[in-house]
Amino acid sequence: VQLQASGGGLVQAGGSLRLSCAASGGPFSSYTMGWFRQAPGKEREFVAAISWSGEIIYYADSVKGRFTISRDNAKNTVYLQMNSLKPEDTAVYYCAAVRRPHYYTGPAYDYWGQGTLVTVSS
């Protein structure tokens, strides 16, 4: 499975961005999809995940109420709508896919995209 993330950029604090991740080369609807991020000098961290059906969703506490993950299986795409952005949201955002059942928030995803940079200015 190949994953291509897009939609990053520079935004002021309080603004919004929508990230997209297009998948190819595999049965997209069979995968749980996740978003992770890595800020400069920090370890990569979990942001959000969505089950293959979209019925099960998890968020990191730091983004709950501000970020929304969704997927369109017909378009092989997962999205991350980010609102009320803060400077501490600045990071490279990665999308990832995993086939393991009931696996959502851990780091052991099977496939990773190349990342897209989000910079939030104060």
N, C-alpha and C. Protein backbone atom coordinates (compact mmCIF):
# COMPACT_ATOMS: atom_id res chain seq x y z
N VAL A 1 0.86 -1.19 0.00
CA VAL A 1 0.00 0.00 0.00
C VAL A 1 0.89 1.25 0.00
N GLN A 2 0.59 2.15 -0.90
CA GLN A 2 1.30 3.43 -0.94
C GLN A 2 0.38 4.52 -0.43
N LEU A 3 0.92 5.39 0.41
CA LEU A 3 0.13 6.45 1.01
C LEU A 3 0.76 7.80 0.66
N GLN A 4 -0.08 8.73 0.23
CA GLN A 4 0.39 10.05 -0.17
C GLN A 4 -0.39 11.11 0.60
N ALA A 5 0.28 11.75 1.53
CA ALA A 5 -0.36 12.79 2.34
C ALA A 5 -0.18 14.15 1.68
N SER A 6 -1.18 15.00 1.86
CA SER A 6 -1.12 16.36 1.32
C SER A 6 -1.98 17.28 2.17
N GLY A 7 -1.85 18.58 1.91
CA GLY A 7 -2.70 19.55 2.58
C GLY A 7 -2.02 20.36 3.67
N GLY A 8 -0.77 20.06 3.96
CA GLY A 8 -0.07 20.84 4.97
C GLY A 8 0.23 22.24 4.48
N GLY A 9 0.69 23.08 5.41
CA GLY A 9 1.03 24.44 5.05
C GLY A 9 1.21 25.30 6.28
N LEU A 10 1.27 26.59 6.04
CA LEU A 10 1.45 27.58 7.10
C LEU A 10 0.10 28.22 7.39
N VAL A 11 -0.25 28.26 8.66
CA VAL A 11 -1.53 28.84 9.07
C VAL A 11 -1.33 29.56 10.39
N GLN A 12 -2.12 30.60 10.61
CA GLN A 12 -2.06 31.31 11.88
C GLN A 12 -2.81 30.55 12.97
N ALA A 13 -2.41 30.78 14.19
CA ALA A 13 -3.11 30.17 15.32
C ALA A 13 -4.59 30.50 15.24
N GLY A 14 -5.41 29.50 15.52
CA GLY A 14 -6.85 29.65 15.42
C GLY A 14 -7.41 29.27 14.06
N GLY A 15 -6.54 29.08 13.11
CA GLY A 15 -6.97 28.74 11.76
C GLY A 15 -7.23 27.25 11.59
N SER A 16 -7.51 26.87 10.34
CA SER A 16 -7.88 25.49 10.02
C SER A 16 -7.09 25.00 8.81
N LEU A 17 -6.90 23.70 8.77
CA LEU A 17 -6.34 23.01 7.62
C LEU A 17 -7.02 21.66 7.51
N ARG A 18 -7.09 21.13 6.28
CA ARG A 18 -7.55 19.78 6.09
C ARG A 18 -6.47 18.98 5.39
N LEU A 19 -6.03 17.93 6.03
CA LEU A 19 -5.06 17.03 5.44
C LEU A 19 -5.80 15.89 4.74
N SER A 20 -5.21 15.43 3.65
CA SER A 20 -5.74 14.29 2.92
C SER A 20 -4.64 13.24 2.78
N CYS A 21 -5.05 12.00 2.70
CA CYS A 21 -4.10 10.91 2.49
C CYS A 21 -4.73 9.95 1.50
N ALA A 22 -4.16 9.88 0.32
CA ALA A 22 -4.66 9.00 -0.72
C ALA A 22 -3.89 7.69 -0.71
N ALA A 23 -4.61 6.58 -0.75
CA ALA A 23 -4.01 5.25 -0.72
C ALA A 23 -4.13 4.58 -2.08
N SER A 24 -3.13 3.77 -2.39
CA SER A 24 -3.18 3.00 -3.63
C SER A 24 -2.44 1.68 -3.42
N GLY A 25 -2.76 0.72 -4.26
CA GLY A 25 -2.03 -0.54 -4.24
C GLY A 25 -2.50 -1.57 -3.25
N GLY A 26 -3.63 -1.33 -2.60
CA GLY A 26 -4.11 -2.31 -1.64
C GLY A 26 -5.57 -2.12 -1.33
N PRO A 27 -6.16 -3.04 -0.60
CA PRO A 27 -7.58 -2.95 -0.26
C PRO A 27 -7.82 -1.93 0.85
N PHE A 28 -7.97 -0.68 0.46
CA PHE A 28 -8.06 0.43 1.42
C PHE A 28 -9.12 0.19 2.48
N SER A 29 -10.25 -0.34 2.06
CA SER A 29 -11.36 -0.51 3.00
C SER A 29 -11.09 -1.59 4.03
N SER A 30 -9.99 -2.33 3.90
CA SER A 30 -9.63 -3.35 4.89
C SER A 30 -8.74 -2.81 6.00
N TYR A 31 -8.27 -1.58 5.85
CA TYR A 31 -7.28 -1.03 6.78
C TYR A 31 -7.89 -0.04 7.76
N THR A 32 -7.43 -0.14 8.99
CA THR A 32 -7.58 0.98 9.90
C THR A 32 -6.58 2.05 9.46
N MET A 33 -7.00 3.29 9.46
CA MET A 33 -6.14 4.40 9.05
C MET A 33 -5.86 5.31 10.25
N GLY A 34 -4.64 5.79 10.30
CA GLY A 34 -4.26 6.66 11.40
C GLY A 34 -3.48 7.87 10.95
N TRP A 35 -3.48 8.88 11.78
CA TRP A 35 -2.64 10.07 11.60
C TRP A 35 -1.72 10.17 12.82
N PHE A 36 -0.47 10.43 12.55
CA PHE A 36 0.53 10.64 13.58
C PHE A 36 1.25 11.95 13.26
N ARG A 37 1.98 12.47 14.21
CA ARG A 37 2.75 13.68 13.95
C ARG A 37 4.07 13.64 14.71
N GLN A 38 5.01 14.37 14.18
CA GLN A 38 6.32 14.47 14.83
C GLN A 38 6.78 15.91 14.78
N ALA A 39 6.87 16.50 15.96
CA ALA A 39 7.36 17.87 16.08
C ALA A 39 8.88 17.86 16.15
N PRO A 40 9.50 18.99 15.82
CA PRO A 40 10.98 19.06 15.88
C PRO A 40 11.51 18.68 17.25
N GLY A 41 12.44 17.75 17.28
CA GLY A 41 13.06 17.35 18.52
C GLY A 41 12.23 16.44 19.40
N LYS A 42 11.09 16.00 18.89
CA LYS A 42 10.21 15.14 19.68
C LYS A 42 9.96 13.82 18.97
N GLU A 43 9.46 12.86 19.72
CA GLU A 43 9.12 11.58 19.13
C GLU A 43 7.78 11.68 18.39
N ARG A 44 7.61 10.78 17.45
CA ARG A 44 6.34 10.73 16.74
C ARG A 44 5.23 10.32 17.70
N GLU A 45 4.06 10.95 17.56
CA GLU A 45 2.96 10.66 18.47
C GLU A 45 1.67 10.42 17.70
N PHE A 46 0.81 9.65 18.32
CA PHE A 46 -0.50 9.35 17.76
C PHE A 46 -1.38 10.59 17.78
N VAL A 47 -2.17 10.78 16.71
CA VAL A 47 -3.11 11.90 16.64
C VAL A 47 -4.55 11.39 16.58
N ALA A 48 -4.84 10.53 15.60
CA ALA A 48 -6.21 10.05 15.41
C ALA A 48 -6.19 8.77 14.59
N ALA A 49 -7.24 7.96 14.75
CA ALA A 49 -7.37 6.74 13.97
C ALA A 49 -8.83 6.46 13.72
N ILE A 50 -9.09 5.77 12.61
CA ILE A 50 -10.46 5.44 12.22
C ILE A 50 -10.48 4.02 11.69
N SER A 51 -11.48 3.26 12.11
CA SER A 51 -11.60 1.87 11.66
C SER A 51 -12.00 1.82 10.19
N TRP A 52 -11.96 0.63 9.62
CA TRP A 52 -12.26 0.47 8.20
C TRP A 52 -13.66 0.95 7.87
N SER A 53 -14.59 0.76 8.81
CA SER A 53 -15.99 1.15 8.56
C SER A 53 -16.27 2.60 8.93
N GLY A 54 -15.35 3.20 9.66
CA GLY A 54 -15.58 4.55 10.14
C GLY A 54 -16.35 4.61 11.45
N GLU A 55 -16.70 3.46 11.98
CA GLU A 55 -17.54 3.42 13.19
C GLU A 55 -16.74 3.61 14.47
N ILE A 56 -15.46 3.28 14.43
CA ILE A 56 -14.62 3.40 15.62
C ILE A 56 -13.57 4.46 15.34
N ILE A 57 -13.49 5.44 16.23
CA ILE A 57 -12.57 6.55 16.07
C ILE A 57 -11.89 6.83 17.41
N TYR A 58 -10.60 7.11 17.34
CA TYR A 58 -9.85 7.49 18.52
C TYR A 58 -9.11 8.81 18.23
N TYR A 59 -8.97 9.60 19.28
CA TYR A 59 -8.20 10.84 19.20
C TYR A 59 -7.24 10.92 20.39
N ALA A 60 -6.12 11.55 20.14
CA ALA A 60 -5.26 11.93 21.25
C ALA A 60 -5.97 13.03 22.05
N ASP A 61 -5.73 13.03 23.35
CA ASP A 61 -6.38 14.03 24.20
C ASP A 61 -6.06 15.45 23.74
N SER A 62 -4.88 15.65 23.22
CA SER A 62 -4.43 16.99 22.85
C SER A 62 -5.20 17.57 21.66
N VAL A 63 -5.90 16.72 20.90
CA VAL A 63 -6.60 17.22 19.71
C VAL A 63 -8.11 17.01 19.78
N LYS A 64 -8.58 16.35 20.82
CA LYS A 64 -10.02 16.11 20.94
C LYS A 64 -10.80 17.42 20.92
N GLY A 65 -11.87 17.42 20.14
CA GLY A 65 -12.71 18.60 20.04
C GLY A 65 -12.23 19.61 19.01
N ARG A 66 -11.02 19.41 18.50
CA ARG A 66 -10.48 20.33 17.48
C ARG A 66 -10.24 19.64 16.14
N PHE A 67 -9.85 18.38 16.19
CA PHE A 67 -9.54 17.63 14.97
C PHE A 67 -10.64 16.60 14.71
N THR A 68 -10.88 16.33 13.44
CA THR A 68 -11.85 15.31 13.04
C THR A 68 -11.25 14.44 11.95
N ILE A 69 -11.24 13.13 12.20
CA ILE A 69 -10.76 12.19 11.19
C ILE A 69 -11.98 11.60 10.48
N SER A 70 -11.83 11.38 9.18
CA SER A 70 -12.90 10.77 8.40
C SER A 70 -12.27 10.02 7.23
N ARG A 71 -13.06 9.20 6.58
CA ARG A 71 -12.55 8.45 5.43
C ARG A 71 -13.63 8.30 4.39
N ASP A 72 -13.19 8.16 3.15
CA ASP A 72 -14.08 7.89 2.03
C ASP A 72 -13.52 6.67 1.33
N ASN A 73 -14.10 5.52 1.59
CA ASN A 73 -13.56 4.28 1.02
C ASN A 73 -13.72 4.22 -0.50
N ALA A 74 -14.70 4.92 -1.02
CA ALA A 74 -14.87 4.95 -2.48
C ALA A 74 -13.74 5.71 -3.15
N LYS A 75 -13.13 6.64 -2.42
CA LYS A 75 -12.03 7.45 -2.96
C LYS A 75 -10.67 7.02 -2.42
N ASN A 76 -10.65 5.97 -1.60
CA ASN A 76 -9.40 5.49 -1.00
C ASN A 76 -8.64 6.61 -0.29
N THR A 77 -9.37 7.42 0.44
CA THR A 77 -8.78 8.60 1.05
C THR A 77 -9.24 8.75 2.50
N VAL A 78 -8.31 9.17 3.34
CA VAL A 78 -8.61 9.51 4.71
C VAL A 78 -8.26 10.98 4.91
N TYR A 79 -9.04 11.65 5.77
CA TYR A 79 -8.89 13.08 5.97
C TYR A 79 -8.64 13.39 7.44
N LEU A 80 -8.02 14.52 7.67
CA LEU A 80 -7.89 15.04 9.03
C LEU A 80 -8.22 16.53 8.97
N GLN A 81 -9.40 16.86 9.45
CA GLN A 81 -9.81 18.26 9.54
C GLN A 81 -9.28 18.83 10.85
N MET A 82 -8.49 19.88 10.77
CA MET A 82 -7.86 20.46 11.94
C MET A 82 -8.35 21.89 12.12
N ASN A 83 -9.05 22.13 13.20
CA ASN A 83 -9.57 23.45 13.52
C ASN A 83 -8.92 23.98 14.79
N SER A 84 -9.07 25.28 14.99
CA SER A 84 -8.53 25.92 16.20
C SER A 84 -7.07 25.53 16.42
N LEU A 85 -6.30 25.63 15.38
CA LEU A 85 -4.91 25.19 15.45
C LEU A 85 -4.10 26.05 16.41
N LYS A 86 -3.15 25.39 17.05
CA LYS A 86 -2.28 26.03 18.02
C LYS A 86 -0.83 25.89 17.56
N PRO A 87 0.04 26.75 18.03
CA PRO A 87 1.46 26.62 17.66
C PRO A 87 2.03 25.25 18.01
N GLU A 88 1.54 24.65 19.09
CA GLU A 88 2.04 23.33 19.48
C GLU A 88 1.56 22.21 18.56
N ASP A 89 0.69 22.52 17.62
CA ASP A 89 0.30 21.54 16.60
C ASP A 89 1.31 21.48 15.45
N THR A 90 2.28 22.38 15.46
CA THR A 90 3.30 22.38 14.42
C THR A 90 4.08 21.07 14.42
N ALA A 91 4.09 20.41 13.26
CA ALA A 91 4.73 19.10 13.16
C ALA A 91 4.63 18.61 11.72
N VAL A 92 5.37 17.56 11.44
CA VAL A 92 5.15 16.80 10.22
C VAL A 92 4.07 15.77 10.53
N TYR A 93 3.04 15.75 9.72
CA TYR A 93 1.92 14.83 9.92
C TYR A 93 2.03 13.67 8.94
N TYR A 94 1.89 12.47 9.48
CA TYR A 94 1.99 11.25 8.70
C TYR A 94 0.67 10.48 8.74
N CYS A 95 0.27 9.95 7.60
CA CYS A 95 -0.83 9.00 7.61
C CYS A 95 -0.26 7.59 7.57
N ALA A 96 -1.02 6.66 8.09
CA ALA A 96 -0.54 5.29 8.19
C ALA A 96 -1.71 4.32 8.10
N ALA A 97 -1.40 3.08 7.74
CA ALA A 97 -2.43 2.05 7.58
C ALA A 97 -2.00 0.78 8.30
N VAL A 98 -2.99 0.12 8.89
CA VAL A 98 -2.72 -1.14 9.58
C VAL A 98 -3.87 -2.10 9.37
N ARG A 99 -3.56 -3.39 9.22
CA ARG A 99 -4.59 -4.40 9.01
C ARG A 99 -4.93 -5.16 10.28
N ARG A 100 -4.10 -5.03 11.30
CA ARG A 100 -4.33 -5.79 12.52
C ARG A 100 -5.66 -5.39 13.14
N PRO A 101 -6.50 -6.36 13.47
CA PRO A 101 -7.80 -6.01 14.07
C PRO A 101 -7.64 -5.33 15.42
N HIS A 102 -8.49 -4.35 15.65
CA HIS A 102 -8.59 -3.68 16.95
C HIS A 102 -7.30 -2.96 17.34
N TYR A 103 -6.49 -2.58 16.38
CA TYR A 103 -5.25 -1.86 16.66
C TYR A 103 -5.42 -0.44 16.16
N TYR A 104 -5.27 0.53 17.06
CA TYR A 104 -5.58 1.89 16.65
C TYR A 104 -4.51 2.90 17.03
N THR A 105 -4.10 2.94 18.30
CA THR A 105 -3.31 4.07 18.78
C THR A 105 -1.81 3.79 18.89
N GLY A 106 -1.39 2.56 18.72
CA GLY A 106 0.03 2.25 18.85
C GLY A 106 0.82 2.62 17.61
N PRO A 107 2.13 2.51 17.70
CA PRO A 107 3.00 2.94 16.60
C PRO A 107 3.23 1.89 15.52
N ALA A 108 2.81 0.66 15.72
CA ALA A 108 3.17 -0.44 14.82
C ALA A 108 2.25 -0.57 13.61
N TYR A 109 2.06 0.52 12.92
CA TYR A 109 1.30 0.47 11.69
C TYR A 109 2.14 -0.17 10.59
N ASP A 110 1.46 -0.74 9.60
CA ASP A 110 2.15 -1.48 8.55
C ASP A 110 2.73 -0.57 7.47
N TYR A 111 2.02 0.47 7.12
CA TYR A 111 2.41 1.33 6.01
C TYR A 111 2.34 2.79 6.44
N TRP A 112 3.30 3.57 5.91
CA TRP A 112 3.39 4.99 6.27
C TRP A 112 3.54 5.84 5.02
N GLY A 113 2.90 7.01 5.06
CA GLY A 113 3.10 7.99 4.01
C GLY A 113 4.35 8.82 4.29
N GLN A 114 4.61 9.76 3.41
CA GLN A 114 5.86 10.51 3.48
C GLN A 114 5.79 11.72 4.41
N GLY A 115 4.61 12.10 4.84
CA GLY A 115 4.47 13.22 5.74
C GLY A 115 4.20 14.53 5.04
N THR A 116 3.46 15.38 5.71
CA THR A 116 3.19 16.73 5.22
C THR A 116 3.35 17.69 6.39
N LEU A 117 4.04 18.80 6.15
CA LEU A 117 4.40 19.73 7.21
C LEU A 117 3.27 20.72 7.50
N VAL A 118 2.93 20.82 8.76
CA VAL A 118 1.97 21.81 9.23
C VAL A 118 2.69 22.77 10.16
N THR A 119 2.64 24.05 9.85
CA THR A 119 3.27 25.07 10.68
C THR A 119 2.22 26.06 11.13
N VAL A 120 2.09 26.22 12.44
CA VAL A 120 1.10 27.13 13.00
C VAL A 120 1.84 28.28 13.66
N SER A 121 1.62 29.47 13.16
CA SER A 121 2.30 30.65 13.69
C SER A 121 1.45 31.31 14.77
N SER A 122 2.12 31.90 15.74
CA SER A 122 1.41 32.53 16.85
C SER A 122 1.10 33.99 16.56
